[in-house]
């Protein structure tokens, strides 16, 4: 056994075995290559993250601009939209009225809610609605239509009525209700 006495501590050592040196250098080289590859991948990931963040900002900006265009379009065309909605409702109501699909009792009862008095009431209806109103009175002699006097009036459209009381007149006209709906729709924000 060989013993070596040194005057100070060993700061570095190297073995003279060539095979060990080649293996160590190749491991060291592989580690360096792996480290470079990892740095490149990290740079690519960071670059993609920045691109994605930029794309997200762009999509957000586009969404905000589209929302602004939508809001401006609605605001500019509010009255047209309201008019169109009322016209669609008018077409549907006219088709239902022409085919007789409406409840005349409901029309009269709704108008009666606005009547200033319940005595001496004359209800003017279209002559085509008069038989159904009279039938409703006969079917329910104690009902809400029992004490009313129904009068045929050609100036009243079908599904409309005009209530005359000693204290005033109440109109229940589809056209007037549609106008009020249209006005309300234009005021909605």
Protein backbone atom coordinates (compact mmCIF):
# COMPACT_ATOMS: atom_id res chain seq x y z
CA UNK A 1 0.00 0.00 0.00
CA UNK A 2 1.25 3.42 -0.91
CA UNK A 3 0.97 6.32 1.49
CA UNK A 4 1.42 9.92 0.41
CA UNK A 5 1.95 12.78 2.87
CA UNK A 6 0.95 16.22 1.61
CA UNK A 7 1.82 19.55 3.07
CA UNK A 8 -1.73 20.97 2.50
CA UNK A 9 -5.23 19.96 1.49
CA UNK A 10 -5.96 18.68 -2.05
CA UNK A 11 -7.81 21.26 -4.11
CA UNK A 12 -8.34 19.12 -7.25
CA UNK A 13 -7.57 15.66 -8.48
CA UNK A 14 -7.53 13.92 -11.80
CA UNK A 15 -7.18 10.27 -12.57
CA UNK A 16 -5.04 9.25 -15.40
CA UNK A 17 -7.41 6.55 -16.60
CA UNK A 18 -8.37 7.52 -20.18
CA UNK A 19 -11.57 5.47 -20.28
CA UNK A 20 -12.93 7.29 -17.23
CA UNK A 21 -12.04 10.66 -18.80
CA UNK A 22 -13.91 9.85 -22.05
CA UNK A 23 -16.99 8.65 -20.15
CA UNK A 24 -16.97 11.71 -17.87
CA UNK A 25 -16.54 14.10 -20.80
CA UNK A 26 -19.38 12.44 -22.76
CA UNK A 27 -21.69 12.62 -19.69
CA UNK A 28 -20.69 16.21 -19.20
CA UNK A 29 -21.34 16.93 -22.89
CA UNK A 30 -24.73 15.21 -22.74
CA UNK A 31 -25.65 17.25 -19.69
CA UNK A 32 -24.67 20.44 -21.49
CA UNK A 33 -26.69 19.46 -24.59
CA UNK A 34 -29.69 18.58 -22.39
CA UNK A 35 -29.35 21.89 -20.60
CA UNK A 36 -29.25 23.79 -23.91
CA UNK A 37 -32.30 21.87 -25.17
CA UNK A 38 -34.17 22.68 -21.97
CA UNK A 39 -33.30 26.39 -22.31
CA UNK A 40 -34.49 26.39 -25.95
CA UNK A 41 -37.76 24.67 -25.00
CA UNK A 42 -38.28 27.14 -22.19
CA UNK A 43 -37.70 30.04 -24.60
CA UNK A 44 -40.23 28.48 -27.03
CA UNK A 45 -42.79 28.04 -24.25
CA UNK A 46 -42.27 31.63 -23.10
CA UNK A 47 -42.64 32.82 -26.69
CA UNK A 48 -45.86 30.85 -27.12
CA UNK A 49 -47.21 32.19 -23.82
CA UNK A 50 -46.57 35.73 -25.04
CA UNK A 51 -48.26 34.97 -28.38
CA UNK A 52 -51.24 33.44 -26.55
CA UNK A 53 -51.50 36.43 -24.21
CA UNK A 54 -51.39 38.77 -27.21
CA UNK A 55 -54.08 36.70 -28.98
CA UNK A 56 -56.27 36.81 -25.86
CA UNK A 57 -55.93 40.60 -25.68
CA UNK A 58 -56.84 40.81 -29.37
CA UNK A 59 -59.92 38.60 -28.90
CA UNK A 60 -60.98 40.68 -25.87
CA UNK A 61 -60.61 43.90 -27.88
CA UNK A 62 -62.65 42.45 -30.76
CA UNK A 63 -65.39 41.30 -28.34
CA UNK A 64 -65.57 44.76 -26.77
CA UNK A 65 -65.78 46.41 -30.20
CA UNK A 66 -68.53 44.00 -31.31
CA UNK A 67 -70.46 44.68 -28.12
CA UNK A 68 -70.16 48.43 -28.72
CA UNK A 69 -71.39 48.02 -32.31
CA UNK A 70 -74.31 45.91 -31.04
CA UNK A 71 -75.26 48.51 -28.41
CA UNK A 72 -75.01 51.36 -30.93
CA UNK A 73 -77.08 49.44 -33.48
CA UNK A 74 -79.80 48.72 -30.94
CA UNK A 75 -79.80 52.34 -29.77
CA UNK A 76 -79.99 53.71 -33.33
CA UNK A 77 -82.71 51.29 -34.38
CA UNK A 78 -84.75 51.13 -31.16
CA UNK A 79 -87.80 52.80 -32.69
CA UNK A 80 -87.60 50.61 -35.80
CA UNK A 81 -87.38 47.50 -33.65
CA UNK A 82 -90.34 48.65 -31.55
CA UNK A 83 -92.37 49.41 -34.68
CA UNK A 84 -91.51 46.01 -36.14
CA UNK A 85 -92.47 44.22 -32.91
CA UNK A 86 -95.80 46.04 -32.78
CA UNK A 87 -96.46 45.31 -36.45
CA UNK A 88 -95.79 41.61 -35.88
CA UNK A 89 -98.16 41.65 -32.89
CA UNK A 90 -100.77 43.47 -34.99
CA UNK A 91 -100.57 40.83 -37.74
CA UNK A 92 -100.96 38.02 -35.22
CA UNK A 93 -103.86 39.75 -33.45
CA UNK A 94 -105.64 40.51 -36.72
CA UNK A 95 -105.33 36.89 -37.82
CA UNK A 96 -106.69 35.71 -34.45
CA UNK A 97 -109.47 38.31 -34.54
CA UNK A 98 -110.47 37.44 -38.11
CA UNK A 99 -110.70 33.76 -37.16
CA UNK A 100 -112.66 34.56 -33.98
CA UNK A 101 -109.99 33.27 -31.58
CA UNK A 102 -110.38 35.77 -28.76
CA UNK A 103 -112.32 35.94 -25.50
CA UNK A 104 -114.79 38.80 -25.67
CA UNK A 105 -115.60 38.36 -21.98
CA UNK A 106 -111.96 39.03 -21.08
CA UNK A 107 -111.93 42.13 -23.32
CA UNK A 108 -115.04 43.56 -21.62
CA UNK A 109 -113.94 42.63 -18.09
CA UNK A 110 -110.54 44.29 -18.62
CA UNK A 111 -112.24 47.48 -19.83
CA UNK A 112 -114.64 47.39 -16.87
CA UNK A 113 -111.68 47.58 -14.50
CA UNK A 114 -111.12 51.14 -15.75
CA UNK A 115 -114.77 52.17 -15.62
CA UNK A 116 -115.41 55.01 -13.13
CA UNK A 117 -118.73 53.47 -12.04
CA UNK A 118 -120.57 50.13 -12.26
CA UNK A 119 -124.08 51.54 -12.76
CA UNK A 120 -125.94 52.27 -16.00
CA UNK A 121 -123.19 50.86 -18.19
CA UNK A 122 -123.63 50.54 -21.95
CA UNK A 123 -121.06 48.42 -23.78
CA UNK A 124 -120.68 49.07 -27.48
CA UNK A 125 -119.29 46.12 -29.44
CA UNK A 126 -118.99 45.07 -33.05
CA UNK A 127 -122.24 43.47 -34.28
CA UNK A 128 -120.33 40.22 -34.87
CA UNK A 129 -119.35 40.16 -31.16
CA UNK A 130 -122.83 40.98 -29.86
CA UNK A 131 -124.23 37.40 -29.97
CA UNK A 132 -121.30 36.00 -27.96
CA UNK A 133 -121.70 38.75 -25.34
CA UNK A 134 -125.44 38.09 -25.04
CA UNK A 135 -124.77 34.34 -24.78
CA UNK A 136 -122.27 35.01 -21.96
CA UNK A 137 -124.95 37.02 -20.12
CA UNK A 138 -127.47 34.19 -20.47
CA UNK A 139 -125.03 31.48 -19.42
CA UNK A 140 -124.05 33.32 -16.23
CA UNK A 141 -126.93 35.56 -15.08
CA UNK A 142 -125.01 36.54 -11.92
CA UNK A 143 -121.65 37.04 -13.67
CA UNK A 144 -119.72 40.24 -14.31
CA UNK A 145 -121.55 40.90 -17.61
CA UNK A 146 -125.06 40.34 -16.25
CA UNK A 147 -126.05 43.96 -15.55
CA UNK A 148 -124.51 45.42 -18.71
CA UNK A 149 -126.40 46.66 -21.74
CA UNK A 150 -124.70 45.53 -24.94
CA UNK A 151 -125.25 47.56 -28.11
CA UNK A 152 -124.09 46.71 -31.64
CA UNK A 153 -121.93 49.41 -33.21
CA UNK A 154 -120.31 49.03 -36.64
CA UNK A 155 -117.72 51.69 -35.79
CA UNK A 156 -116.23 49.31 -33.19
CA UNK A 157 -113.80 46.71 -34.54
CA UNK A 158 -114.03 43.06 -33.59
CA UNK A 159 -112.39 42.27 -30.22
CA UNK A 160 -112.81 45.94 -29.19
CA UNK A 161 -115.36 47.58 -26.96
CA UNK A 162 -116.37 51.03 -25.78
CA UNK A 163 -117.92 51.39 -22.35
CA UNK A 164 -120.21 54.34 -21.69
CA UNK A 165 -120.99 55.32 -18.11
CA UNK A 166 -122.68 58.40 -16.67
CA UNK A 167 -119.22 59.46 -15.44
CA UNK A 168 -117.21 58.86 -18.59
CA UNK A 169 -116.14 56.59 -21.43
CA UNK A 170 -113.62 53.75 -21.43
CA UNK A 171 -112.15 52.55 -24.71
CA UNK A 172 -110.65 49.12 -25.14
CA UNK A 173 -109.24 49.16 -28.66
CA UNK A 174 -106.53 46.81 -29.86
CA UNK A 175 -104.90 49.55 -31.95
CA UNK A 176 -104.59 51.90 -28.98
CA UNK A 177 -103.10 49.13 -26.82
CA UNK A 178 -100.60 48.35 -29.58
CA UNK A 179 -99.62 52.03 -29.76
CA UNK A 180 -99.02 52.13 -26.00
CA UNK A 181 -96.93 48.97 -26.24
CA UNK A 182 -94.89 50.52 -29.06
CA UNK A 183 -94.30 53.68 -27.03
CA UNK A 184 -93.23 51.61 -24.03
CA UNK A 185 -90.84 49.57 -26.17
CA UNK A 186 -89.14 52.69 -27.54
CA UNK A 187 -88.56 53.97 -24.00
CA UNK A 188 -86.95 50.72 -22.80
CA UNK A 189 -83.18 50.95 -22.51
